[in-house]
Amino acid sequence: MSDVANTRKQLRIKAGSAKRLYKEQRMYQKEQEDLQRKLDKHIAEKAEDWDINNTGRMLAESGKMITDASTRLGAVVQELRELVLVAEQNPELSEAEELVKARETLEEVSV
């Protein structure tokens, strides 16, 4: 496989990974917010200890997953940025669809 074809393939793969991890991170953040509301509700209603403790454990697990997803997202975004820089220096890829989509993905996932 030529360098150009390989770079195009890597741009597609890394952009897809970045989008997936960004979506996963947002999902875990929403889950954490929902669980926090649920925990507050259980505490306000003086629910059973098991319900409060279980919701607390689930909330802690969501926090760990957010950290993990953020770490993985950061690594993939960094790899994608480096790959975009390499692709921009190649005249054959300067207007490639994969490069345009990779740039759009970087704009979308970079907060």
N, C-alpha and C. Protein backbone atom coordinates (compact mmCIF):
# COMPACT_ATOMS: atom_id res chain seq x y z
N MET A 1 0.85 -1.18 0.00
CA MET A 1 0.00 0.00 0.00
C MET A 1 0.90 1.23 0.00
N SER A 2 0.58 2.19 -0.83
CA SER A 2 1.40 3.39 -0.92
C SER A 2 1.22 4.26 0.32
N ASP A 3 2.14 5.19 0.48
CA ASP A 3 2.06 6.10 1.63
C ASP A 3 0.78 6.92 1.61
N VAL A 4 0.39 7.37 0.42
CA VAL A 4 -0.82 8.19 0.29
C VAL A 4 -2.05 7.38 0.69
N ALA A 5 -2.14 6.16 0.18
CA ALA A 5 -3.29 5.32 0.50
C ALA A 5 -3.30 4.97 1.99
N ASN A 6 -2.14 4.71 2.54
CA ASN A 6 -2.04 4.38 3.96
C ASN A 6 -2.43 5.59 4.82
N THR A 7 -1.99 6.77 4.43
CA THR A 7 -2.35 7.98 5.17
C THR A 7 -3.85 8.23 5.11
N ARG A 8 -4.44 8.05 3.94
CA ARG A 8 -5.90 8.21 3.81
C ARG A 8 -6.62 7.24 4.75
N LYS A 9 -6.17 6.00 4.76
CA LYS A 9 -6.80 4.98 5.61
C LYS A 9 -6.66 5.36 7.09
N GLN A 10 -5.48 5.80 7.49
CA GLN A 10 -5.25 6.18 8.88
C GLN A 10 -6.08 7.40 9.27
N LEU A 11 -6.25 8.33 8.34
CA LEU A 11 -7.11 9.50 8.62
C LEU A 11 -8.54 9.06 8.90
N ARG A 12 -9.06 8.14 8.07
CA ARG A 12 -10.42 7.63 8.28
C ARG A 12 -10.53 6.91 9.63
N ILE A 13 -9.56 6.07 9.94
CA ILE A 13 -9.60 5.29 11.18
C ILE A 13 -9.53 6.20 12.40
N LYS A 14 -8.56 7.10 12.40
CA LYS A 14 -8.37 7.99 13.57
C LYS A 14 -9.55 8.94 13.74
N ALA A 15 -10.11 9.45 12.64
CA ALA A 15 -11.26 10.34 12.74
C ALA A 15 -12.46 9.58 13.29
N GLY A 16 -12.66 8.36 12.84
CA GLY A 16 -13.76 7.54 13.35
C GLY A 16 -13.59 7.22 14.83
N SER A 17 -12.37 6.92 15.23
CA SER A 17 -12.10 6.64 16.64
C SER A 17 -12.35 7.86 17.50
N ALA A 18 -11.93 9.02 17.02
CA ALA A 18 -12.13 10.25 17.78
C ALA A 18 -13.62 10.55 17.95
N LYS A 19 -14.39 10.37 16.89
CA LYS A 19 -15.84 10.61 16.98
C LYS A 19 -16.48 9.65 17.97
N ARG A 20 -16.10 8.37 17.89
CA ARG A 20 -16.68 7.35 18.77
C ARG A 20 -16.34 7.65 20.23
N LEU A 21 -15.08 7.98 20.51
CA LEU A 21 -14.68 8.25 21.89
C LEU A 21 -15.32 9.53 22.42
N TYR A 22 -15.50 10.53 21.57
CA TYR A 22 -16.16 11.76 21.98
C TYR A 22 -17.61 11.48 22.35
N LYS A 23 -18.26 10.67 21.54
CA LYS A 23 -19.66 10.29 21.82
C LYS A 23 -19.74 9.49 23.12
N GLU A 24 -18.79 8.59 23.31
CA GLU A 24 -18.76 7.77 24.53
C GLU A 24 -18.56 8.66 25.76
N GLN A 25 -17.65 9.61 25.67
CA GLN A 25 -17.39 10.51 26.79
C GLN A 25 -18.64 11.32 27.14
N ARG A 26 -19.31 11.85 26.12
CA ARG A 26 -20.55 12.62 26.36
C ARG A 26 -21.62 11.75 27.01
N MET A 27 -21.71 10.49 26.57
CA MET A 27 -22.70 9.57 27.13
C MET A 27 -22.43 9.34 28.63
N TYR A 28 -21.17 9.12 28.98
CA TYR A 28 -20.83 8.90 30.38
C TYR A 28 -21.07 10.16 31.22
N GLN A 29 -20.83 11.34 30.65
CA GLN A 29 -21.09 12.58 31.38
C GLN A 29 -22.58 12.74 31.64
N LYS A 30 -23.40 12.42 30.65
CA LYS A 30 -24.85 12.49 30.83
C LYS A 30 -25.29 11.48 31.89
N GLU A 31 -24.73 10.28 31.82
CA GLU A 31 -25.06 9.25 32.81
C GLU A 31 -24.70 9.71 34.22
N GLN A 32 -23.55 10.34 34.35
CA GLN A 32 -23.12 10.83 35.66
C GLN A 32 -24.09 11.90 36.18
N GLU A 33 -24.52 12.79 35.33
CA GLU A 33 -25.47 13.82 35.74
C GLU A 33 -26.79 13.18 36.19
N ASP A 34 -27.26 12.20 35.41
CA ASP A 34 -28.51 11.51 35.77
C ASP A 34 -28.37 10.78 37.10
N LEU A 35 -27.25 10.11 37.30
CA LEU A 35 -27.04 9.38 38.56
C LEU A 35 -26.92 10.32 39.75
N GLN A 36 -26.32 11.49 39.53
CA GLN A 36 -26.21 12.46 40.61
C GLN A 36 -27.60 12.95 41.02
N ARG A 37 -28.46 13.20 40.03
CA ARG A 37 -29.84 13.61 40.35
C ARG A 37 -30.57 12.49 41.10
N LYS A 38 -30.35 11.26 40.64
CA LYS A 38 -30.99 10.11 41.28
C LYS A 38 -30.50 9.95 42.72
N LEU A 39 -29.20 10.12 42.94
CA LEU A 39 -28.65 10.01 44.29
C LEU A 39 -29.21 11.10 45.18
N ASP A 40 -29.27 12.34 44.67
CA ASP A 40 -29.83 13.44 45.45
C ASP A 40 -31.29 13.16 45.81
N LYS A 41 -32.03 12.59 44.87
CA LYS A 41 -33.42 12.25 45.11
C LYS A 41 -33.54 11.18 46.20
N HIS A 42 -32.70 10.15 46.11
CA HIS A 42 -32.72 9.09 47.13
C HIS A 42 -32.41 9.66 48.52
N ILE A 43 -31.45 10.55 48.59
CA ILE A 43 -31.08 11.13 49.88
C ILE A 43 -32.22 12.00 50.40
N ALA A 44 -32.82 12.81 49.53
CA ALA A 44 -33.91 13.69 49.94
C ALA A 44 -35.12 12.89 50.42
N GLU A 45 -35.38 11.75 49.77
CA GLU A 45 -36.53 10.93 50.14
C GLU A 45 -36.21 9.91 51.23
N LYS A 46 -34.98 9.97 51.73
CA LYS A 46 -34.52 9.03 52.77
C LYS A 46 -34.79 7.57 52.34
N ALA A 47 -34.30 7.27 51.14
CA ALA A 47 -34.46 5.92 50.58
C ALA A 47 -33.62 4.93 51.38
N GLU A 48 -33.77 3.66 51.07
CA GLU A 48 -33.01 2.63 51.77
C GLU A 48 -31.51 2.83 51.52
N ASP A 49 -30.74 2.40 52.52
CA ASP A 49 -29.29 2.55 52.42
C ASP A 49 -28.74 1.85 51.18
N TRP A 50 -29.30 0.69 50.86
CA TRP A 50 -28.80 -0.06 49.70
C TRP A 50 -28.96 0.77 48.43
N ASP A 51 -30.11 1.43 48.26
CA ASP A 51 -30.33 2.26 47.07
C ASP A 51 -29.32 3.40 46.99
N ILE A 52 -29.10 4.04 48.12
CA ILE A 52 -28.16 5.17 48.16
C ILE A 52 -26.74 4.69 47.86
N ASN A 53 -26.33 3.61 48.53
CA ASN A 53 -24.98 3.09 48.32
C ASN A 53 -24.77 2.59 46.89
N ASN A 54 -25.77 1.90 46.34
CA ASN A 54 -25.65 1.38 44.99
C ASN A 54 -25.57 2.50 43.97
N THR A 55 -26.39 3.52 44.14
CA THR A 55 -26.34 4.66 43.23
C THR A 55 -25.00 5.37 43.35
N GLY A 56 -24.47 5.46 44.56
CA GLY A 56 -23.15 6.07 44.77
C GLY A 56 -22.05 5.29 44.08
N ARG A 57 -22.13 3.95 44.14
CA ARG A 57 -21.14 3.12 43.46
C ARG A 57 -21.23 3.30 41.94
N MET A 58 -22.45 3.35 41.43
CA MET A 58 -22.63 3.55 39.99
C MET A 58 -22.10 4.92 39.56
N LEU A 59 -22.30 5.93 40.40
CA LEU A 59 -21.81 7.27 40.12
C LEU A 59 -20.28 7.28 40.08
N ALA A 60 -19.65 6.59 41.02
CA ALA A 60 -18.20 6.51 41.05
C ALA A 60 -17.67 5.80 39.80
N GLU A 61 -18.34 4.74 39.40
CA GLU A 61 -17.93 4.00 38.20
C GLU A 61 -18.05 4.88 36.96
N SER A 62 -19.10 5.69 36.88
CA SER A 62 -19.24 6.61 35.75
C SER A 62 -18.10 7.60 35.72
N GLY A 63 -17.70 8.08 36.89
CA GLY A 63 -16.57 9.01 36.97
C GLY A 63 -15.29 8.38 36.46
N LYS A 64 -15.08 7.12 36.79
CA LYS A 64 -13.89 6.41 36.30
C LYS A 64 -13.94 6.25 34.78
N MET A 65 -15.12 5.97 34.26
CA MET A 65 -15.27 5.78 32.82
C MET A 65 -15.06 7.10 32.07
N ILE A 66 -15.48 8.21 32.66
CA ILE A 66 -15.26 9.52 32.04
C ILE A 66 -13.76 9.79 31.95
N THR A 67 -13.05 9.50 33.04
CA THR A 67 -11.60 9.70 33.05
C THR A 67 -10.93 8.84 31.99
N ASP A 68 -11.34 7.58 31.91
CA ASP A 68 -10.77 6.66 30.93
C ASP A 68 -11.06 7.12 29.50
N ALA A 69 -12.31 7.48 29.23
CA ALA A 69 -12.68 7.92 27.89
C ALA A 69 -11.95 9.21 27.52
N SER A 70 -11.79 10.11 28.48
CA SER A 70 -11.09 11.37 28.22
C SER A 70 -9.62 11.12 27.88
N THR A 71 -9.00 10.20 28.60
CA THR A 71 -7.60 9.87 28.35
C THR A 71 -7.43 9.28 26.96
N ARG A 72 -8.30 8.33 26.62
CA ARG A 72 -8.21 7.70 25.31
C ARG A 72 -8.52 8.70 24.20
N LEU A 73 -9.51 9.57 24.42
CA LEU A 73 -9.85 10.58 23.43
C LEU A 73 -8.68 11.53 23.21
N GLY A 74 -8.05 11.95 24.28
CA GLY A 74 -6.89 12.85 24.16
C GLY A 74 -5.77 12.23 23.34
N ALA A 75 -5.52 10.94 23.54
CA ALA A 75 -4.47 10.26 22.79
C ALA A 75 -4.81 10.17 21.31
N VAL A 76 -6.06 9.83 21.01
CA VAL A 76 -6.47 9.70 19.61
C VAL A 76 -6.48 11.06 18.92
N VAL A 77 -6.92 12.09 19.62
CA VAL A 77 -6.94 13.43 19.03
C VAL A 77 -5.51 13.89 18.73
N GLN A 78 -4.59 13.60 19.63
CA GLN A 78 -3.19 13.98 19.39
C GLN A 78 -2.64 13.25 18.17
N GLU A 79 -2.92 11.96 18.06
CA GLU A 79 -2.47 11.19 16.90
C GLU A 79 -3.09 11.73 15.61
N LEU A 80 -4.36 12.08 15.68
CA LEU A 80 -5.05 12.62 14.50
C LEU A 80 -4.45 13.97 14.10
N ARG A 81 -4.15 14.82 15.08
CA ARG A 81 -3.53 16.12 14.76
C ARG A 81 -2.20 15.92 14.04
N GLU A 82 -1.39 15.00 14.57
CA GLU A 82 -0.10 14.74 13.95
C GLU A 82 -0.27 14.21 12.54
N LEU A 83 -1.24 13.33 12.35
CA LEU A 83 -1.49 12.76 11.04
C LEU A 83 -2.00 13.83 10.06
N VAL A 84 -2.83 14.74 10.54
CA VAL A 84 -3.32 15.84 9.69
C VAL A 84 -2.15 16.72 9.26
N LEU A 85 -1.23 17.00 10.17
CA LEU A 85 -0.06 17.81 9.81
C LEU A 85 0.77 17.13 8.73
N VAL A 86 0.96 15.83 8.86
CA VAL A 86 1.71 15.07 7.85
C VAL A 86 0.96 15.11 6.52
N ALA A 87 -0.35 14.90 6.56
CA ALA A 87 -1.15 14.88 5.34
C ALA A 87 -1.17 16.24 4.66
N GLU A 88 -1.18 17.32 5.43
CA GLU A 88 -1.20 18.66 4.85
C GLU A 88 0.08 18.97 4.08
N GLN A 89 1.16 18.32 4.44
CA GLN A 89 2.44 18.56 3.75
C GLN A 89 2.54 17.78 2.45
N ASN A 90 1.65 16.84 2.25
CA ASN A 90 1.66 16.04 1.03
C ASN A 90 0.73 16.68 0.01
N PRO A 91 1.26 17.11 -1.13
CA PRO A 91 0.41 17.80 -2.13
C PRO A 91 -0.72 16.91 -2.67
N GLU A 92 -0.53 15.60 -2.67
CA GLU A 92 -1.57 14.70 -3.18
C GLU A 92 -2.78 14.65 -2.25
N LEU A 93 -2.56 14.99 -0.99
CA LEU A 93 -3.63 14.90 0.00
C LEU A 93 -4.20 16.25 0.41
N SER A 94 -3.67 17.33 -0.14
CA SER A 94 -4.06 18.66 0.33
C SER A 94 -5.56 18.92 0.27
N GLU A 95 -6.26 18.34 -0.69
CA GLU A 95 -7.70 18.54 -0.81
C GLU A 95 -8.48 17.23 -0.70
N ALA A 96 -7.86 16.22 -0.11
CA ALA A 96 -8.50 14.91 0.01
C ALA A 96 -9.71 14.98 0.94
N GLU A 97 -10.73 14.22 0.60
CA GLU A 97 -11.95 14.17 1.41
C GLU A 97 -11.65 13.71 2.84
N GLU A 98 -10.76 12.73 2.97
CA GLU A 98 -10.40 12.21 4.29
C GLU A 98 -9.77 13.29 5.16
N LEU A 99 -8.94 14.13 4.55
CA LEU A 99 -8.29 15.21 5.29
C LEU A 99 -9.32 16.25 5.73
N VAL A 100 -10.23 16.59 4.87
CA VAL A 100 -11.28 17.55 5.21
C VAL A 100 -12.12 17.01 6.37
N LYS A 101 -12.51 15.75 6.29
CA LYS A 101 -13.30 15.15 7.37
C LYS A 101 -12.51 15.07 8.66
N ALA A 102 -11.22 14.79 8.57
CA ALA A 102 -10.38 14.73 9.77
C ALA A 102 -10.31 16.10 10.45
N ARG A 103 -10.18 17.15 9.64
CA ARG A 103 -10.17 18.51 10.21
C ARG A 103 -11.50 18.83 10.89
N GLU A 104 -12.60 18.45 10.24
CA GLU A 104 -13.92 18.68 10.83
C GLU A 104 -14.06 17.92 12.15
N THR A 105 -13.57 16.71 12.18
CA THR A 105 -13.62 15.91 13.40
C THR A 105 -12.82 16.57 14.51
N LEU A 106 -11.64 17.08 14.18
CA LEU A 106 -10.83 17.76 15.18
C LEU A 106 -11.55 18.98 15.74
N GLU A 107 -12.22 19.73 14.88
CA GLU A 107 -12.98 20.90 15.34
C GLU A 107 -14.13 20.47 16.25
N GLU A 108 -14.76 19.37 15.90
CA GLU A 108 -15.92 18.88 16.66
C GLU A 108 -15.52 18.39 18.05
N VAL A 109 -14.44 17.62 18.12
CA VAL A 109 -14.10 16.98 19.40
C VAL A 109 -13.19 17.83 20.27
N SER A 110 -12.57 18.86 19.72
CA SER A 110 -11.71 19.74 20.52
C SER A 110 -12.57 20.77 21.21
N VAL A 111 -12.57 20.71 22.51
CA VAL A 111 -13.41 21.62 23.29
C VAL A 111 -12.61 22.75 23.85
